[in-house]
Amino acid sequence: MKKNMGSIDKKIRLVIAAIFAALYFSGMVSGTLGIVLLALATIFALTSLISFCPLYLPFGINTAPKEKK
């Protein structure tokens, strides 16, 4: 897997994951919506930690800095 996420993209995903997790664990969101938000928070956190988003591939998105040759 080639990295396709830049540092700003990773930080935004981690912030969103933290917000979703806080909403769920504080009890502000529950039920099916809570489970969906918790699953999205997990996915956002994992993809930011490995710097790779599989959904970027079909759309040709790459926010990672260009490698110097």
PDB file of N, CA and C in Angstrom:
ATOM      1  N   MET A   1       0.835  -1.175   0.000  1.00  0.00           N
ATOM      2  CA  MET A   1       0.000   0.000   0.000  1.00  0.00           C
ATOM      3  C   MET A   1       0.884   1.244   0.000  1.00  0.00           C
ATOM      4  N   LYS A   2       0.664   2.067  -0.973  1.00  0.00           N
ATOM      5  CA  LYS A   2       1.384   3.329  -1.055  1.00  0.00           C
ATOM      6  C   LYS A   2       0.584   4.380  -0.297  1.00  0.00           C
ATOM      7  N   LYS A   3       1.257   5.169   0.512  1.00  0.00           N
ATOM      8  CA  LYS A   3       0.567   6.192   1.294  1.00  0.00           C
ATOM      9  C   LYS A   3      -0.111   7.192   0.372  1.00  0.00           C
ATOM     10  N   ASN A   4      -1.362   7.528   0.698  1.00  0.00           N
ATOM     11  CA  ASN A   4      -2.086   8.498  -0.119  1.00  0.00           C
ATOM     12  C   ASN A   4      -2.783   9.565   0.728  1.00  0.00           C
ATOM     13  N   MET A   5      -2.298   9.742   1.967  1.00  0.00           N
ATOM     14  CA  MET A   5      -2.882  10.746   2.854  1.00  0.00           C
ATOM     15  C   MET A   5      -1.800  11.662   3.403  1.00  0.00           C
ATOM     16  N   GLY A   6      -2.088  12.954   3.358  1.00  0.00           N
ATOM     17  CA  GLY A   6      -1.172  13.937   3.904  1.00  0.00           C
ATOM     18  C   GLY A   6      -1.429  14.172   5.384  1.00  0.00           C
ATOM     19  N   SER A   7      -0.592  14.983   6.007  1.00  0.00           N
ATOM     20  CA  SER A   7      -0.693  15.198   7.446  1.00  0.00           C
ATOM     21  C   SER A   7      -1.963  15.960   7.831  1.00  0.00           C
ATOM     22  N   ILE A   8      -2.379  16.911   7.026  1.00  0.00           N
ATOM     23  CA  ILE A   8      -3.606  17.657   7.350  1.00  0.00           C
ATOM     24  C   ILE A   8      -4.812  16.732   7.264  1.00  0.00           C
ATOM     25  N   ASP A   9      -4.854  15.890   6.251  1.00  0.00           N
ATOM     26  CA  ASP A   9      -5.933  14.921   6.078  1.00  0.00           C
ATOM     27  C   ASP A   9      -5.997  13.979   7.285  1.00  0.00           C
ATOM     28  N   LYS A  10      -4.847  13.521   7.744  1.00  0.00           N
ATOM     29  CA  LYS A  10      -4.808  12.615   8.890  1.00  0.00           C
ATOM     30  C   LYS A  10      -5.305  13.303  10.158  1.00  0.00           C
ATOM     31  N   LYS A  11      -4.905  14.557  10.352  1.00  0.00           N
ATOM     32  CA  LYS A  11      -5.332  15.288  11.552  1.00  0.00           C
ATOM     33  C   LYS A  11      -6.842  15.523  11.547  1.00  0.00           C
ATOM     34  N   ILE A  12      -7.387  15.870  10.389  1.00  0.00           N
ATOM     35  CA  ILE A  12      -8.834  16.089  10.285  1.00  0.00           C
ATOM     36  C   ILE A  12      -9.578  14.796  10.611  1.00  0.00           C
ATOM     37  N   ARG A  13      -9.105  13.678  10.089  1.00  0.00           N
ATOM     38  CA  ARG A  13      -9.754  12.393  10.349  1.00  0.00           C
ATOM     39  C   ARG A  13      -9.695  12.033  11.829  1.00  0.00           C
ATOM     40  N   LEU A  14      -8.558  12.301  12.480  1.00  0.00           N
ATOM     41  CA  LEU A  14      -8.441  11.990  13.904  1.00  0.00           C
ATOM     42  C   LEU A  14      -9.367  12.865  14.745  1.00  0.00           C
ATOM     43  N   VAL A  15      -9.508  14.128  14.369  1.00  0.00           N
ATOM     44  CA  VAL A  15     -10.413  15.022  15.095  1.00  0.00           C
ATOM     45  C   VAL A  15     -11.859  14.551  14.935  1.00  0.00           C
ATOM     46  N   ILE A  16     -12.238  14.207  13.716  1.00  0.00           N
ATOM     47  CA  ILE A  16     -13.602  13.714  13.473  1.00  0.00           C
ATOM     48  C   ILE A  16     -13.843  12.414  14.235  1.00  0.00           C
ATOM     49  N   ALA A  17     -12.851  11.524  14.248  1.00  0.00           N
ATOM     50  CA  ALA A  17     -12.981  10.261  14.981  1.00  0.00           C
ATOM     51  C   ALA A  17     -13.163  10.532  16.473  1.00  0.00           C
ATOM     52  N   ALA A  18     -12.418  11.478  17.010  1.00  0.00           N
ATOM     53  CA  ALA A  18     -12.544  11.813  18.430  1.00  0.00           C
ATOM     54  C   ALA A  18     -13.917  12.394  18.741  1.00  0.00           C
ATOM     55  N   ILE A  19     -14.429  13.236  17.865  1.00  0.00           N
ATOM     56  CA  ILE A  19     -15.762  13.817  18.062  1.00  0.00           C
ATOM     57  C   ILE A  19     -16.828  12.728  18.032  1.00  0.00           C
ATOM     58  N   PHE A  20     -16.763  11.832  17.049  1.00  0.00           N
ATOM     59  CA  PHE A  20     -17.739  10.744  16.946  1.00  0.00           C
ATOM     60  C   PHE A  20     -17.688   9.849  18.185  1.00  0.00           C
ATOM     61  N   ALA A  21     -16.474   9.514  18.636  1.00  0.00           N
ATOM     62  CA  ALA A  21     -16.329   8.658  19.819  1.00  0.00           C
ATOM     63  C   ALA A  21     -16.862   9.374  21.056  1.00  0.00           C
ATOM     64  N   ALA A  22     -16.587  10.662  21.188  1.00  0.00           N
ATOM     65  CA  ALA A  22     -17.078  11.420  22.341  1.00  0.00           C
ATOM     66  C   ALA A  22     -18.604  11.474  22.345  1.00  0.00           C
ATOM     67  N   LEU A  23     -19.194  11.667  21.183  1.00  0.00           N
ATOM     68  CA  LEU A  23     -20.657  11.685  21.097  1.00  0.00           C
ATOM     69  C   LEU A  23     -21.252  10.353  21.531  1.00  0.00           C
ATOM     70  N   TYR A  24     -20.618   9.267  21.113  1.00  0.00           N
ATOM     71  CA  TYR A  24     -21.131   7.947  21.454  1.00  0.00           C
ATOM     72  C   TYR A  24     -20.948   7.646  22.939  1.00  0.00           C
ATOM     73  N   PHE A  25     -19.731   7.844  23.449  1.00  0.00           N
ATOM     74  CA  PHE A  25     -19.446   7.462  24.830  1.00  0.00           C
ATOM     75  C   PHE A  25     -20.057   8.409  25.859  1.00  0.00           C
ATOM     76  N   SER A  26     -20.416   9.616  25.456  1.00  0.00           N
ATOM     77  CA  SER A  26     -21.098  10.526  26.377  1.00  0.00           C
ATOM     78  C   SER A  26     -22.596  10.259  26.422  1.00  0.00           C
ATOM     79  N   GLY A  27     -23.074   9.436  25.512  1.00  0.00           N
ATOM     80  CA  GLY A  27     -24.488   9.091  25.481  1.00  0.00           C
ATOM     81  C   GLY A  27     -25.343  10.068  24.695  1.00  0.00           C
ATOM     82  N   MET A  28     -24.713  11.027  24.038  1.00  0.00           N
ATOM     83  CA  MET A  28     -25.485  11.989  23.249  1.00  0.00           C
ATOM     84  C   MET A  28     -26.067  11.348  21.998  1.00  0.00           C
ATOM     85  N   VAL A  29     -25.396  10.320  21.494  1.00  0.00           N
ATOM     86  CA  VAL A  29     -25.866   9.581  20.325  1.00  0.00           C
ATOM     87  C   VAL A  29     -25.879   8.107  20.708  1.00  0.00           C
ATOM     88  N   SER A  30     -26.977   7.433  20.433  1.00  0.00           N
ATOM     89  CA  SER A  30     -27.074   6.015  20.781  1.00  0.00           C
ATOM     90  C   SER A  30     -27.834   5.266  19.694  1.00  0.00           C
ATOM     91  N   GLY A  31     -28.011   4.013  19.917  1.00  0.00           N
ATOM     92  CA  GLY A  31     -28.742   3.190  18.956  1.00  0.00           C
ATOM     93  C   GLY A  31     -27.949   2.944  17.689  1.00  0.00           C
ATOM     94  N   THR A  32     -28.667   2.793  16.601  1.00  0.00           N
ATOM     95  CA  THR A  32     -28.036   2.488  15.318  1.00  0.00           C
ATOM     96  C   THR A  32     -27.100   3.607  14.872  1.00  0.00           C
ATOM     97  N   LEU A  33     -27.528   4.852  15.029  1.00  0.00           N
ATOM     98  CA  LEU A  33     -26.682   5.971  14.649  1.00  0.00           C
ATOM     99  C   LEU A  33     -25.388   5.979  15.464  1.00  0.00           C
ATOM    100  N   GLY A  34     -25.486   5.655  16.733  1.00  0.00           N
ATOM    101  CA  GLY A  34     -24.304   5.596  17.584  1.00  0.00           C
ATOM    102  C   GLY A  34     -23.320   4.539  17.124  1.00  0.00           C
ATOM    103  N   ILE A  35     -23.827   3.381  16.763  1.00  0.00           N
ATOM    104  CA  ILE A  35     -22.963   2.292  16.280  1.00  0.00           C
ATOM    105  C   ILE A  35     -22.300   2.687  14.962  1.00  0.00           C
ATOM    106  N   VAL A  36     -23.058   3.314  14.075  1.00  0.00           N
ATOM    107  CA  VAL A  36     -22.514   3.748  12.790  1.00  0.00           C
ATOM    108  C   VAL A  36     -21.411   4.786  13.006  1.00  0.00           C
ATOM    109  N   LEU A  37     -21.652   5.758  13.888  1.00  0.00           N
ATOM    110  CA  LEU A  37     -20.632   6.777  14.162  1.00  0.00           C
ATOM    111  C   LEU A  37     -19.395   6.166  14.805  1.00  0.00           C
ATOM    112  N   LEU A  38     -19.580   5.197  15.690  1.00  0.00           N
ATOM    113  CA  LEU A  38     -18.436   4.532  16.316  1.00  0.00           C
ATOM    114  C   LEU A  38     -17.642   3.737  15.281  1.00  0.00           C
ATOM    115  N   ALA A  39     -18.329   3.090  14.353  1.00  0.00           N
ATOM    116  CA  ALA A  39     -17.637   2.358  13.280  1.00  0.00           C
ATOM    117  C   ALA A  39     -16.866   3.325  12.387  1.00  0.00           C
ATOM    118  N   LEU A  40     -17.472   4.457  12.041  1.00  0.00           N
ATOM    119  CA  LEU A  40     -16.776   5.464  11.232  1.00  0.00           C
ATOM    120  C   LEU A  40     -15.573   6.027  11.973  1.00  0.00           C
ATOM    121  N   ALA A  41     -15.716   6.247  13.272  1.00  0.00           N
ATOM    122  CA  ALA A  41     -14.594   6.744  14.072  1.00  0.00           C
ATOM    123  C   ALA A  41     -13.436   5.761  14.036  1.00  0.00           C
ATOM    124  N   THR A  42     -13.741   4.478  14.133  1.00  0.00           N
ATOM    125  CA  THR A  42     -12.694   3.451  14.078  1.00  0.00           C
ATOM    126  C   THR A  42     -12.012   3.437  12.717  1.00  0.00           C
ATOM    127  N   ILE A  43     -12.799   3.511  11.662  1.00  0.00           N
ATOM    128  CA  ILE A  43     -12.246   3.510  10.306  1.00  0.00           C
ATOM    129  C   ILE A  43     -11.390   4.749  10.077  1.00  0.00           C
ATOM    130  N   PHE A  44     -11.880   5.917  10.489  1.00  0.00           N
ATOM    131  CA  PHE A  44     -11.112   7.151  10.324  1.00  0.00           C
ATOM    132  C   PHE A  44      -9.788   7.075  11.085  1.00  0.00           C
ATOM    133  N   ALA A  45      -9.825   6.564  12.308  1.00  0.00           N
ATOM    134  CA  ALA A  45      -8.609   6.474  13.116  1.00  0.00           C
ATOM    135  C   ALA A  45      -7.608   5.500  12.483  1.00  0.00           C
ATOM    136  N   LEU A  46      -8.090   4.350  12.048  1.00  0.00           N
ATOM    137  CA  LEU A  46      -7.183   3.357  11.444  1.00  0.00           C
ATOM    138  C   LEU A  46      -6.568   3.861  10.135  1.00  0.00           C
ATOM    139  N   THR A  47      -7.391   4.454   9.289  1.00  0.00           N
ATOM    140  CA  THR A  47      -6.851   4.932   8.016  1.00  0.00           C
ATOM    141  C   THR A  47      -5.871   6.078   8.226  1.00  0.00           C
ATOM    142  N   SER A  48      -6.087   6.896   9.235  1.00  0.00           N
ATOM    143  CA  SER A  48      -5.130   7.982   9.481  1.00  0.00           C
ATOM    144  C   SER A  48      -3.831   7.439  10.065  1.00  0.00           C
ATOM    145  N   LEU A  49      -3.898   6.368  10.840  1.00  0.00           N
ATOM    146  CA  LEU A  49      -2.679   5.791  11.414  1.00  0.00           C
ATOM    147  C   LEU A  49      -1.818   5.093  10.360  1.00  0.00           C
ATOM    148  N   ILE A  50      -2.454   4.492   9.346  1.00  0.00           N
ATOM    149  CA  ILE A  50      -1.675   3.817   8.306  1.00  0.00           C
ATOM    150  C   ILE A  50      -1.451   4.705   7.075  1.00  0.00           C
ATOM    151  N   SER A  51      -2.019   5.896   7.089  1.00  0.00           N
ATOM    152  CA  SER A  51      -1.852   6.889   6.004  1.00  0.00           C
ATOM    153  C   SER A  51      -2.339   6.378   4.649  1.00  0.00           C
ATOM    154  N   PHE A  52      -3.363   5.561   4.664  1.00  0.00           N
ATOM    155  CA  PHE A  52      -3.891   5.010   3.420  1.00  0.00           C
ATOM    156  C   PHE A  52      -5.407   4.931   3.498  1.00  0.00           C
ATOM    157  N   CYS A  53      -6.071   5.471   2.476  1.00  0.00           N
ATOM    158  CA  CYS A  53      -7.522   5.406   2.388  1.00  0.00           C
ATOM    159  C   CYS A  53      -7.890   4.670   1.099  1.00  0.00           C
ATOM    160  N   PRO A  54      -8.509   3.478   1.204  1.00  0.00           N
ATOM    161  CA  PRO A  54      -8.862   2.725   0.006  1.00  0.00           C
ATOM    162  C   PRO A  54      -9.879   3.440  -0.884  1.00  0.00           C
ATOM    163  N   LEU A  55     -10.712   4.303  -0.320  1.00  0.00           N
ATOM    164  CA  LEU A  55     -11.699   5.014  -1.131  1.00  0.00           C
ATOM    165  C   LEU A  55     -11.061   6.090  -2.011  1.00  0.00           C
ATOM    166  N   TYR A  56      -9.833   6.478  -1.720  1.00  0.00           N
ATOM    167  CA  TYR A  56      -9.149   7.465  -2.553  1.00  0.00           C
ATOM    168  C   TYR A  56      -8.719   6.865  -3.895  1.00  0.00           C
ATOM    169  N   LEU A  57      -8.468   5.561  -3.942  1.00  0.00           N
ATOM    170  CA  LEU A  57      -7.946   4.921  -5.159  1.00  0.00           C
ATOM    171  C   LEU A  57      -8.856   5.088  -6.373  1.00  0.00           C
ATOM    172  N   PRO A  58     -10.154   4.739  -6.289  1.00  0.00           N
ATOM    173  CA  PRO A  58     -10.984   4.856  -7.493  1.00  0.00           C
ATOM    174  C   PRO A  58     -11.149   6.288  -7.990  1.00  0.00           C
ATOM    175  N   PHE A  59     -11.012   7.253  -7.077  1.00  0.00           N
ATOM    176  CA  PHE A  59     -11.186   8.652  -7.456  1.00  0.00           C
ATOM    177  C   PHE A  59      -9.866   9.347  -7.793  1.00  0.00           C
ATOM    178  N   GLY A  60      -8.757   8.643  -7.608  1.00  0.00           N
ATOM    179  CA  GLY A  60      -7.445   9.201  -7.935  1.00  0.00           C
ATOM    180  C   GLY A  60      -6.998  10.304  -6.989  1.00  0.00           C
ATOM    181  N   ILE A  61      -7.503  10.286  -5.765  1.00  0.00           N
ATOM    182  CA  ILE A  61      -7.139  11.329  -4.791  1.00  0.00           C
ATOM    183  C   ILE A  61      -5.851  10.920  -4.082  1.00  0.00           C
ATOM    184  N   ASN A  62      -4.956  11.875  -3.923  1.00  0.00           N
ATOM    185  CA  ASN A  62      -3.721  11.653  -3.187  1.00  0.00           C
ATOM    186  C   ASN A  62      -3.334  12.949  -2.501  1.00  0.00           C
ATOM    187  N   THR A  63      -3.466  12.997  -1.176  1.00  0.00           N
ATOM    188  CA  THR A  63      -3.131  14.194  -0.426  1.00  0.00           C
ATOM    189  C   THR A  63      -1.745  14.118   0.193  1.00  0.00           C
ATOM    190  N   ALA A  64      -1.043  13.025  -0.064  1.00  0.00           N
ATOM    191  CA  ALA A  64       0.319  12.866   0.470  1.00  0.00           C
ATOM    192  C   ALA A  64       1.276  13.777  -0.300  1.00  0.00           C
ATOM    193  N   PRO A  65       2.312  14.259   0.397  1.00  0.00           N
ATOM    194  CA  PRO A  65       3.282  15.101  -0.297  1.00  0.00           C
ATOM    195  C   PRO A  65       4.018  14.301  -1.371  1.00  0.00           C
ATOM    196  N   LYS A  66       4.372  14.974  -2.439  1.00  0.00           N
ATOM    197  CA  LYS A  66       5.082  14.317  -3.537  1.00  0.00           C
ATOM    198  C   LYS A  66       6.483  13.920  -3.087  1.00  0.00           C
ATOM    199  N   GLU A  67       6.900  12.713  -3.477  1.00  0.00           N
ATOM    200  CA  GLU A  67       8.236  12.224  -3.126  1.00  0.00           C
ATOM    201  C   GLU A  67       9.269  12.868  -4.038  1.00  0.00           C
ATOM    202  N   LYS A  68      10.379  13.274  -3.446  1.00  0.00           N
ATOM    203  CA  LYS A  68      11.467  13.866  -4.232  1.00  0.00           C
ATOM    204  C   LYS A  68      12.290  12.758  -4.852  1.00  0.00           C
ATOM    205  N   LYS A  69      12.683  12.976  -6.109  1.00  0.00           N
ATOM    206  CA  LYS A  69      13.468  11.950  -6.812  1.00  0.00           C
ATOM    207  C   LYS A  69      14.917  12.332  -6.852  1.00  0.00           C
TER     208      LYS A  69
END
